[in-house]
Amino acid sequence: MFSIKIENYEKKYLLEELIKVFLRPDQYRLLSDDEAAEEDTIIFNEMNSSDRNEIKREIYDKLSELTGKKPEWGILTGIRPVKLYGELSVENGRDEAENILSHKYYIDGEKLKLISDIYDIQIDFCGQAPEKSACVYIGIPFCPTRCVYCSFASNQVEDSEIARYVDALLEEISYVGNRMKKVGIYPESIYIGGGTPTTLTAEQLEVLVRTVYDSFDTEKLLEFTVEAGRPDTITPEKLKVLKDLGVHRISINPQSMKKKTLELIGRNHSPEDIENAFEIANKAGFNNINADIIAGLPEEDTADFVDTLKQVIAMNPSNITVHSLAVKRASKLKDINPDFHYNQAEIVSEMLQAGRKILHEAGYRPYYLYRQKHMAGAYENVGYAKPGTECIYNIRIMDEHQHNIAMGAGGITKVYFPKENRLERVPNVYNYEEYINRIDEMINRKELNLFKEVLNYGD
């Protein structure tokens, strides 16, 4: 057990995120300001620096020496490395940006090349966000079952509850869409996510998508995505509705093609169901499909991961997103084994390396990247795409230089102020029942904190 003290820095939690990359919670104790350091206490920031990155470099150097670990993302604990790279490049030029990330953030050369390549692909594919544009998110917080690693809004409820939620959601969509028209903000991309949107019936999906088109100005809309997600919720009727109404892109998310793994993580579907879902999507005419897989799932080795990836590639999705397992605080897996993601670091590294090679050979390019807390090995999630099929919504929400207007339970609107390059959050409540009961309040929050206060529109 290491005893650690950080001197002269108030927001210690920001620094502790880096400590957790090196040490499990049961391997150290962080002393408070009032606690006296003992003889063997590791003390950081005795020089009273106010530069957080300087203190983080000190933490990295010392803990790397003690543990032998050299995390490839260096001192970077933020979730948007490509955004950081882009902003540093604009401010300082590409060469200096790479010098800063290498020598001040300690980012490994391979990771630096990855984010540099992704930045180039993003600029080439969709450039900067157009003025007065937004990405729109609509949340459906329901799933057939809850996966063991999940901490998202994914409730298992009766059909009557879903119907109540849809009614409230339609009310918010109608209000927000029409207000956006009046202030001159249009959706560049629309993303219906979850949860699992295809938990809804075909009839509910039709009403939802028609309401979106009726409410928003979609003349300049470039992309409309619906997460089909769970293969066991996909039917020909649902996908026909989506295709007929102009949805461009869907996702079918296997996570794994190993039957035992699917059972372990709490999925109702089989590998055969996944193949069937792709057949249904192809027959419906969808040619832009994303598939999610996860590196580091329980009881899987690198061979299992590679087998999943090859089977998924054989189904010919245009996009494949490779997630590193993240064990969130509210997940079942966290209760089962709090140290699971620490134990998976080495095997996840092997999986990601193998995946990069296989995807490159199959013609997929990395086009967006983000990181999360509690990820196995402190690695990353990477979206790969065949050239020209990249997802605009994914790029914009990671770049954060555009309004992100979110509806539904748990949705967090982020309003972008270009002059100050900052965001203001306007959240909805997380609980779907509270969302239904307080729908008027959710709408009023956007009226006061988005349309009148921020976009300066009033009657």
Protein backbone atom coordinates (compact mmCIF):
# COMPACT_ATOMS: atom_id res chain seq x y z
CA MET A 1 0.00 0.00 0.00
CA PHE A 2 1.47 3.33 -1.13
CA SER A 3 0.84 6.45 0.91
CA ILE A 4 0.53 9.47 -1.42
CA LYS A 5 0.19 13.15 -0.69
CA ILE A 6 -0.30 16.00 -3.16
CA GLU A 7 0.76 19.33 -1.76
CA ASN A 8 -0.64 22.74 -2.60
CA TYR A 9 -3.26 21.73 -5.16
CA GLU A 10 -6.96 22.01 -4.46
CA LYS A 11 -8.55 19.82 -7.15
CA LYS A 12 -6.75 16.62 -6.28
CA TYR A 13 -9.35 14.47 -8.04
CA LEU A 14 -8.04 15.77 -11.37
CA LEU A 15 -4.61 14.40 -10.55
CA GLU A 16 -5.87 11.20 -8.99
CA GLU A 17 -7.20 10.08 -12.38
CA LEU A 18 -3.57 9.70 -13.49
CA ILE A 19 -2.60 7.88 -10.29
CA LYS A 20 -5.37 5.35 -11.03
CA VAL A 21 -3.73 4.55 -14.35
CA PHE A 22 -0.72 3.20 -12.44
CA LEU A 23 -2.28 1.88 -9.21
CA ARG A 24 -5.47 0.09 -8.25
CA PRO A 25 -7.54 1.80 -5.53
CA ASP A 26 -6.46 -0.86 -3.03
CA GLN A 27 -2.78 -0.16 -3.72
CA TYR A 28 -2.63 3.42 -2.48
CA ARG A 29 -4.12 5.90 -0.06
CA LEU A 30 -4.32 9.58 -0.90
CA LEU A 31 -3.72 11.68 2.19
CA SER A 32 -5.77 14.79 2.85
CA ASP A 33 -4.20 18.19 3.47
CA ASP A 34 -4.68 17.72 7.22
CA GLU A 35 -2.94 14.35 7.40
CA ALA A 36 0.77 14.31 8.18
CA ALA A 37 3.08 12.58 5.72
CA GLU A 38 4.98 9.58 7.03
CA GLU A 39 8.58 8.68 6.26
CA ASP A 40 7.66 6.50 3.26
CA THR A 41 4.91 8.80 1.90
CA ILE A 42 5.29 9.73 -1.76
CA ILE A 43 4.90 13.51 -1.91
CA PHE A 44 4.06 15.39 -5.10
CA ASN A 45 4.19 19.14 -5.80
CA GLU A 46 6.45 20.17 -2.95
CA MET A 47 7.52 23.06 -5.20
CA ASN A 48 3.97 24.48 -5.10
CA SER A 49 3.35 24.52 -8.86
CA SER A 50 -0.01 25.72 -10.15
CA ASP A 51 0.58 24.01 -13.51
CA ARG A 52 -1.51 20.83 -13.47
CA ASN A 53 0.43 19.25 -16.33
CA GLU A 54 3.72 19.88 -14.56
CA ILE A 55 2.43 18.04 -11.50
CA LYS A 56 1.12 15.23 -13.68
CA ARG A 57 4.53 14.82 -15.28
CA GLU A 58 6.00 14.49 -11.80
CA ILE A 59 3.39 11.85 -10.94
CA TYR A 60 4.04 9.98 -14.19
CA ASP A 61 7.81 9.97 -13.74
CA LYS A 62 7.72 8.75 -10.16
CA LEU A 63 4.99 6.13 -10.52
CA SER A 64 6.49 4.86 -13.76
CA GLU A 65 9.76 4.35 -11.90
CA LEU A 66 8.00 2.56 -9.03
CA THR A 67 5.69 0.34 -11.10
CA GLY A 68 7.60 -0.15 -14.33
CA LYS A 69 4.52 0.97 -16.29
CA LYS A 70 4.74 3.49 -19.14
CA PRO A 71 1.17 4.30 -20.19
CA GLU A 72 1.07 5.07 -23.90
CA TRP A 73 -1.24 8.06 -23.45
CA GLY A 74 1.28 9.66 -21.10
CA ILE A 75 -0.22 12.16 -18.66
CA LEU A 76 -3.32 12.65 -20.79
CA THR A 77 -6.48 11.63 -18.94
CA GLY A 78 -8.94 13.62 -21.06
CA ILE A 79 -11.32 11.77 -23.34
CA ARG A 80 -10.73 13.79 -26.54
CA PRO A 81 -7.08 13.55 -27.69
CA VAL A 82 -7.90 14.41 -31.31
CA LYS A 83 -9.62 17.63 -30.24
CA LEU A 84 -6.54 18.59 -28.21
CA TYR A 85 -4.28 17.80 -31.17
CA GLY A 86 -6.42 19.92 -33.49
CA GLU A 87 -6.53 22.92 -31.18
CA LEU A 88 -2.77 22.80 -30.55
CA SER A 89 -2.18 22.53 -34.30
CA VAL A 90 -4.30 25.61 -35.03
CA GLU A 91 -2.55 27.59 -32.29
CA ASN A 92 1.04 26.43 -32.85
CA GLY A 93 1.31 24.57 -36.15
CA ARG A 94 1.47 20.80 -36.64
CA ASP A 95 5.14 20.30 -35.80
CA GLU A 96 4.95 22.20 -32.53
CA ALA A 97 1.66 20.49 -31.60
CA GLU A 98 3.33 17.10 -31.97
CA ASN A 99 6.34 18.32 -30.00
CA ILE A 100 4.08 19.47 -27.15
CA LEU A 101 2.13 16.21 -27.06
CA SER A 102 5.31 14.15 -27.16
CA HIS A 103 7.46 16.05 -24.65
CA LYS A 104 4.93 17.73 -22.37
CA TYR A 105 2.14 15.15 -22.42
CA TYR A 106 4.44 12.12 -22.84
CA ILE A 107 2.18 10.63 -25.52
CA ASP A 108 3.70 7.57 -27.21
CA GLY A 109 4.74 7.95 -30.86
CA GLU A 110 2.25 5.35 -32.10
CA LYS A 111 -0.67 7.07 -30.34
CA LEU A 112 0.50 10.43 -31.66
CA LYS A 113 0.49 9.13 -35.22
CA LEU A 114 -2.97 7.64 -34.65
CA ILE A 115 -4.52 10.96 -33.58
CA SER A 116 -2.65 12.85 -36.31
CA ASP A 117 -3.99 10.47 -38.97
CA ILE A 118 -7.53 10.71 -37.55
CA TYR A 119 -7.39 14.51 -37.53
CA ASP A 120 -6.39 14.54 -41.21
CA ILE A 121 -9.20 12.15 -42.13
CA GLN A 122 -11.77 14.26 -40.26
CA ILE A 123 -10.68 17.51 -41.91
CA ASP A 124 -10.69 15.87 -45.33
CA PHE A 125 -14.10 14.23 -44.80
CA CYS A 126 -16.21 17.00 -43.29
CA GLY A 127 -13.97 19.99 -42.43
CA GLN A 128 -15.06 22.47 -39.77
CA ALA A 129 -18.68 22.55 -38.61
CA PRO A 130 -20.77 25.03 -40.64
CA GLU A 131 -21.98 28.16 -38.89
CA LYS A 132 -25.49 27.86 -37.41
CA SER A 133 -25.40 24.07 -37.63
CA ALA A 134 -25.96 21.56 -34.84
CA CYS A 135 -25.78 17.85 -34.24
CA VAL A 136 -29.02 16.53 -32.77
CA TYR A 137 -29.28 13.60 -30.37
CA ILE A 138 -32.51 11.81 -29.43
CA GLY A 139 -32.28 9.24 -26.64
CA ILE A 140 -34.30 6.03 -26.23
CA PRO A 141 -33.31 4.72 -22.76
CA PHE A 142 -34.58 1.15 -23.09
CA CYS A 143 -32.93 -2.22 -23.78
CA PRO A 144 -34.15 -5.83 -23.71
CA THR A 145 -31.55 -6.64 -21.02
CA ARG A 146 -28.79 -4.78 -19.18
CA CYS A 147 -25.21 -5.73 -20.07
CA VAL A 148 -22.85 -6.36 -17.15
CA TYR A 149 -20.50 -3.50 -18.16
CA CYS A 150 -23.25 -0.95 -18.87
CA SER A 151 -23.90 2.25 -16.92
CA PHE A 152 -25.99 4.04 -19.55
CA ALA A 153 -29.70 4.80 -19.31
CA SER A 154 -30.96 1.37 -20.40
CA ASN A 155 -34.15 0.38 -18.62
CA GLN A 156 -36.16 -2.83 -18.94
CA VAL A 157 -39.83 -1.84 -18.67
CA GLU A 158 -43.35 -2.68 -19.79
CA ASP A 159 -44.59 -1.60 -23.22
CA SER A 160 -46.97 0.87 -21.58
CA GLU A 161 -44.03 2.69 -19.99
CA ILE A 162 -42.25 2.94 -23.32
CA ALA A 163 -45.41 4.41 -24.84
CA ARG A 164 -45.61 7.06 -22.10
CA TYR A 165 -41.97 7.95 -22.69
CA VAL A 166 -42.42 8.25 -26.45
CA ASP A 167 -45.33 10.67 -25.95
CA ALA A 168 -43.17 12.93 -23.76
CA LEU A 169 -40.22 12.67 -26.15
CA LEU A 170 -42.35 13.66 -29.14
CA GLU A 171 -43.42 16.74 -27.23
CA GLU A 172 -39.82 17.79 -26.63
CA ILE A 173 -38.78 17.03 -30.22
CA SER A 174 -41.62 19.09 -31.64
CA TYR A 175 -40.85 22.06 -29.41
CA VAL A 176 -37.07 22.02 -29.92
CA GLY A 177 -37.25 21.46 -33.67
CA ASN A 178 -39.61 24.34 -34.25
CA ARG A 179 -37.62 26.66 -31.99
CA MET A 180 -34.44 25.77 -33.87
CA LYS A 181 -36.15 26.76 -37.10
CA LYS A 182 -37.03 30.15 -35.64
CA VAL A 183 -33.49 30.90 -34.45
CA GLY A 184 -31.95 29.69 -37.71
CA ILE A 185 -30.09 26.67 -36.32
CA TYR A 186 -30.32 23.57 -38.51
CA PRO A 187 -29.27 19.94 -37.92
CA GLU A 188 -26.23 18.82 -39.90
CA SER A 189 -26.63 15.34 -38.40
CA ILE A 190 -29.33 13.56 -36.38
CA TYR A 191 -28.57 10.56 -34.18
CA ILE A 192 -31.20 8.45 -32.43
CA GLY A 193 -29.36 6.43 -29.81
CA GLY A 194 -29.84 4.72 -26.50
CA GLY A 195 -30.27 2.31 -24.94
CA THR A 196 -31.69 0.57 -28.01
CA PRO A 197 -34.02 2.63 -30.22
CA THR A 198 -35.27 -0.51 -31.98
CA THR A 199 -36.84 -1.54 -28.68
CA LEU A 200 -39.68 0.60 -30.04
CA THR A 201 -42.27 -0.99 -32.31
CA ALA A 202 -42.27 -0.31 -36.05
CA GLU A 203 -45.28 1.95 -35.53
CA GLN A 204 -43.54 3.94 -32.78
CA LEU A 205 -40.40 4.30 -34.90
CA GLU A 206 -42.49 5.62 -37.77
CA VAL A 207 -44.18 8.23 -35.59
CA LEU A 208 -40.82 9.21 -34.07
CA VAL A 209 -39.00 9.67 -37.37
CA ARG A 210 -41.94 11.47 -39.01
CA THR A 211 -42.07 13.86 -36.04
CA VAL A 212 -38.35 14.56 -36.50
CA TYR A 213 -38.86 15.47 -40.16
CA ASP A 214 -41.96 17.55 -39.37
CA SER A 215 -40.20 19.46 -36.58
CA PHE A 216 -36.69 20.16 -37.88
CA ASP A 217 -35.44 21.97 -40.96
CA THR A 218 -33.77 19.01 -42.69
CA GLU A 219 -32.97 20.71 -45.99
CA LYS A 220 -29.23 20.69 -45.17
CA LEU A 221 -29.24 17.43 -43.23
CA LEU A 222 -26.27 15.30 -44.26
CA GLU A 223 -26.70 12.29 -42.02
CA PHE A 224 -29.48 10.52 -40.11
CA THR A 225 -28.41 7.60 -37.90
CA VAL A 226 -30.50 5.20 -35.83
CA GLU A 227 -28.83 2.73 -33.48
CA ALA A 228 -30.47 -0.60 -34.16
CA GLY A 229 -27.96 -1.98 -31.69
CA ARG A 230 -29.32 -5.25 -30.36
CA PRO A 231 -29.79 -7.85 -33.11
CA ASP A 232 -32.70 -9.36 -31.18
CA THR A 233 -34.69 -6.12 -31.62
CA ILE A 234 -34.23 -5.92 -35.41
CA THR A 235 -37.09 -6.92 -37.69
CA PRO A 236 -37.72 -6.40 -41.42
CA GLU A 237 -40.71 -4.18 -40.55
CA LYS A 238 -38.66 -1.83 -38.38
CA LEU A 239 -35.81 -1.46 -40.86
CA LYS A 240 -38.24 -0.92 -43.73
CA VAL A 241 -39.80 1.96 -41.81
CA LEU A 242 -36.39 3.52 -41.19
CA LYS A 243 -35.21 3.08 -44.77
CA ASP A 244 -38.46 4.33 -46.31
CA LEU A 245 -38.34 7.45 -44.13
CA GLY A 246 -34.81 8.38 -45.19
CA VAL A 247 -32.58 7.14 -42.38
CA HIS A 248 -29.08 6.91 -43.86
CA ARG A 249 -27.15 4.90 -41.33
CA ILE A 250 -27.79 2.24 -38.67
CA SER A 251 -25.72 0.27 -36.22
CA ILE A 252 -25.83 -3.44 -35.40
CA ASN A 253 -23.68 -4.13 -32.38
CA PRO A 254 -22.46 -7.69 -31.86
CA GLN A 255 -19.89 -6.85 -29.10
CA SER A 256 -18.70 -10.45 -29.54
CA MET A 257 -19.39 -13.37 -31.87
CA LYS A 258 -18.69 -15.91 -29.14
CA LYS A 259 -21.88 -17.48 -27.78
CA LYS A 260 -20.58 -18.00 -24.24
CA THR A 261 -19.41 -14.38 -24.03
CA LEU A 262 -22.82 -13.09 -25.08
CA GLU A 263 -24.38 -15.13 -22.29
CA LEU A 264 -21.83 -13.88 -19.75
CA ILE A 265 -22.39 -10.21 -20.54
CA GLY A 266 -26.18 -10.47 -20.45
CA ARG A 267 -27.14 -10.46 -24.11
CA ASN A 268 -30.22 -12.33 -25.32
CA HIS A 269 -29.02 -12.81 -28.89
CA SER A 270 -26.83 -15.45 -30.49
CA PRO A 271 -24.11 -15.16 -33.16
CA GLU A 272 -26.69 -16.44 -35.64
CA ASP A 273 -29.02 -13.58 -34.68
CA ILE A 274 -26.25 -11.12 -35.53
CA GLU A 275 -25.78 -12.63 -38.99
CA ASN A 276 -29.53 -12.60 -39.52
CA ALA A 277 -29.73 -8.92 -38.52
CA PHE A 278 -27.14 -8.03 -41.15
CA GLU A 279 -29.10 -9.97 -43.77
CA ILE A 280 -32.27 -8.06 -42.85
CA ALA A 281 -30.39 -4.74 -43.06
CA ASN A 282 -28.89 -5.59 -46.44
CA LYS A 283 -32.28 -6.61 -47.83
CA ALA A 284 -33.74 -3.33 -46.51
CA GLY A 285 -31.14 -1.48 -48.57
CA PHE A 286 -28.85 -0.15 -45.84
CA ASN A 287 -25.29 0.18 -47.12
CA ASN A 288 -23.90 2.27 -44.25
CA ILE A 289 -23.87 0.08 -41.15
CA ASN A 290 -21.73 0.36 -38.03
CA ALA A 291 -20.82 -2.63 -35.87
CA ASP A 292 -19.45 -2.31 -32.32
CA ILE A 293 -17.13 -4.87 -30.79
CA ILE A 294 -15.39 -4.83 -27.40
CA ALA A 295 -11.82 -5.78 -26.52
CA GLY A 296 -11.38 -7.26 -23.05
CA LEU A 297 -14.70 -8.99 -22.41
CA PRO A 298 -14.84 -11.63 -19.64
CA GLU A 299 -13.10 -14.95 -20.39
CA GLU A 300 -12.05 -13.92 -23.92
CA ASP A 301 -8.49 -14.20 -25.21
CA THR A 302 -6.91 -12.51 -28.23
CA ALA A 303 -7.89 -15.39 -30.50
CA ASP A 304 -11.54 -14.91 -29.52
CA PHE A 305 -11.35 -11.20 -30.27
CA VAL A 306 -9.67 -11.78 -33.64
CA ASP A 307 -12.29 -14.38 -34.53
CA THR A 308 -15.08 -11.91 -33.69
CA LEU A 309 -13.45 -9.18 -35.76
CA LYS A 310 -12.97 -11.42 -38.79
CA GLN A 311 -16.57 -12.64 -38.63
CA VAL A 312 -17.81 -9.06 -38.38
CA ILE A 313 -15.67 -7.94 -41.33
CA ALA A 314 -17.12 -10.82 -43.36
CA MET A 315 -20.59 -9.29 -42.85
CA ASN A 316 -19.25 -6.15 -44.59
CA PRO A 317 -20.24 -3.24 -42.32
CA SER A 318 -18.99 0.14 -43.53
CA ASN A 319 -17.91 1.13 -39.99
CA ILE A 320 -16.47 -0.94 -37.14
CA THR A 321 -15.98 0.62 -33.72
CA VAL A 322 -13.50 -1.16 -31.45
CA HIS A 323 -14.14 -0.39 -27.79
CA SER A 324 -11.74 -1.11 -24.96
CA LEU A 325 -13.78 -2.49 -22.08
CA ALA A 326 -14.65 0.22 -19.56
CA VAL A 327 -15.98 -0.92 -16.19
CA LYS A 328 -18.13 1.92 -14.91
CA ARG A 329 -19.05 2.49 -11.27
CA ALA A 330 -22.74 1.74 -11.84
CA SER A 331 -22.20 -1.50 -13.77
CA LYS A 332 -22.80 -5.06 -12.55
CA LEU A 333 -19.25 -6.02 -13.52
CA LYS A 334 -17.89 -3.42 -11.11
CA ASP A 335 -19.77 -5.19 -8.29
CA ILE A 336 -18.58 -8.62 -9.42
CA ASN A 337 -14.90 -7.64 -9.75
CA PRO A 338 -13.86 -4.03 -8.98
CA ASP A 339 -10.37 -4.66 -10.42
CA PHE A 340 -11.49 -6.33 -13.65
CA HIS A 341 -10.34 -3.57 -15.99
CA TYR A 342 -6.91 -3.44 -14.30
CA ASN A 343 -6.44 -7.16 -14.85
CA GLN A 344 -7.31 -6.88 -18.56
CA ALA A 345 -4.67 -4.31 -19.54
CA GLU A 346 -2.16 -6.64 -21.20
CA ILE A 347 -4.66 -8.68 -23.18
CA VAL A 348 -6.52 -5.56 -24.36
CA SER A 349 -3.23 -4.18 -25.68
CA GLU A 350 -2.72 -7.38 -27.69
CA MET A 351 -6.29 -7.26 -28.99
CA LEU A 352 -6.06 -3.63 -30.10
CA GLN A 353 -2.76 -4.22 -31.91
CA ALA A 354 -4.15 -7.25 -33.72
CA GLY A 355 -7.34 -5.38 -34.56
CA ARG A 356 -5.53 -2.40 -36.09
CA LYS A 357 -3.59 -4.67 -38.44
CA ILE A 358 -6.61 -6.71 -39.52
CA LEU A 359 -8.79 -3.63 -40.09
CA HIS A 360 -6.08 -1.86 -42.08
CA GLU A 361 -5.68 -4.89 -44.33
CA ALA A 362 -9.46 -5.01 -44.81
CA GLY A 363 -9.57 -1.37 -45.99
CA TYR A 364 -10.83 0.37 -42.84
CA ARG A 365 -9.29 3.65 -41.61
CA PRO A 366 -9.46 5.05 -38.06
CA TYR A 367 -11.63 8.17 -38.19
CA TYR A 368 -12.63 9.04 -34.61
CA LEU A 369 -11.35 8.25 -31.15
CA TYR A 370 -12.30 8.83 -27.55
CA ARG A 371 -11.28 7.61 -24.14
CA GLN A 372 -13.23 6.87 -20.97
CA LYS A 373 -12.50 6.52 -17.29
CA HIS A 374 -11.97 3.00 -15.94
CA MET A 375 -10.88 1.62 -19.32
CA ALA A 376 -8.82 -1.54 -19.43
CA GLY A 377 -5.19 -0.47 -19.79
CA ALA A 378 -6.25 3.20 -20.03
CA TYR A 379 -6.46 2.70 -23.79
CA GLU A 380 -9.08 4.06 -26.19
CA ASN A 381 -12.15 3.45 -28.35
CA VAL A 382 -11.58 3.86 -32.08
CA GLY A 383 -14.10 4.06 -34.89
CA TYR A 384 -12.87 2.63 -38.21
CA ALA A 385 -14.57 3.27 -41.53
CA LYS A 386 -14.26 2.52 -45.20
CA PRO A 387 -13.30 5.80 -46.90
CA GLY A 388 -16.30 8.05 -47.46
CA THR A 389 -18.56 6.33 -44.90
CA GLU A 390 -17.34 8.09 -41.75
CA CYS A 391 -19.99 9.26 -39.27
CA ILE A 392 -20.30 13.05 -39.09
CA TYR A 393 -22.14 12.95 -35.76
CA ASN A 394 -19.34 10.95 -34.09
CA ILE A 395 -16.72 13.36 -35.40
CA ARG A 396 -18.60 16.47 -34.27
CA ILE A 397 -19.40 15.31 -30.74
CA MET A 398 -15.74 14.50 -30.13
CA ASP A 399 -14.52 17.71 -31.74
CA GLU A 400 -16.94 19.89 -29.70
CA HIS A 401 -16.97 22.88 -32.04
CA GLN A 402 -20.69 22.69 -32.79
CA HIS A 403 -23.94 22.84 -30.81
CA ASN A 404 -25.04 19.37 -29.64
CA ILE A 405 -28.76 19.56 -28.92
CA ALA A 406 -29.98 16.51 -27.00
CA MET A 407 -33.51 15.34 -26.25
CA GLY A 408 -34.78 12.53 -24.08
CA ALA A 409 -33.92 11.19 -20.63
CA GLY A 410 -30.25 11.67 -19.83
CA GLY A 411 -29.66 13.93 -22.81
CA ILE A 412 -27.13 16.71 -22.23
CA THR A 413 -27.29 19.64 -24.60
CA LYS A 414 -23.95 21.37 -25.15
CA VAL A 415 -24.12 24.90 -26.50
CA TYR A 416 -21.00 26.07 -28.32
CA PHE A 417 -19.65 29.61 -28.01
CA PRO A 418 -17.11 29.99 -30.85
CA LYS A 419 -15.60 33.29 -29.70
CA GLU A 420 -14.63 31.84 -26.33
CA ASN A 421 -14.28 28.26 -27.63
CA ARG A 422 -16.33 26.94 -24.72
CA LEU A 423 -19.44 24.88 -24.04
CA GLU A 424 -22.40 25.37 -21.72
CA ARG A 425 -24.34 22.29 -20.63
CA VAL A 426 -28.14 22.14 -20.47
CA PRO A 427 -29.01 18.70 -19.04
CA ASN A 428 -32.21 16.71 -18.98
CA VAL A 429 -32.94 14.50 -15.99
CA TYR A 430 -31.49 10.99 -16.23
CA ASN A 431 -34.41 8.90 -14.93
CA TYR A 432 -37.00 8.21 -17.63
CA GLU A 433 -39.95 8.44 -15.19
CA GLU A 434 -38.74 11.81 -13.94
CA TYR A 435 -38.32 12.89 -17.55
CA ILE A 436 -41.97 12.02 -18.30
CA ASN A 437 -43.26 13.74 -15.16
CA ARG A 438 -41.11 16.83 -15.70
CA ILE A 439 -41.27 17.20 -19.47
CA ASP A 440 -42.53 20.79 -19.22
CA GLU A 441 -39.50 21.62 -17.06
CA MET A 442 -37.12 19.98 -19.58
CA ILE A 443 -38.60 22.08 -22.36
CA ASN A 444 -38.41 25.22 -20.24
CA ARG A 445 -34.74 24.56 -19.46
CA LYS A 446 -33.97 24.71 -23.17
CA GLU A 447 -36.17 27.76 -23.63
CA LEU A 448 -34.37 29.69 -20.90
CA ASN A 449 -30.82 28.34 -21.22
CA LEU A 450 -30.62 27.75 -24.96
CA PHE A 451 -33.08 29.68 -27.07
CA LYS A 452 -33.49 32.92 -25.09
CA GLU A 453 -30.33 33.20 -23.01
CA VAL A 454 -27.81 31.79 -25.48
CA LEU A 455 -29.27 32.21 -28.95
CA ASN A 456 -30.96 35.47 -27.97
CA TYR A 457 -34.35 34.66 -29.35
CA GLY A 458 -37.57 35.75 -27.68
CA ASP A 459 -41.15 36.43 -28.67
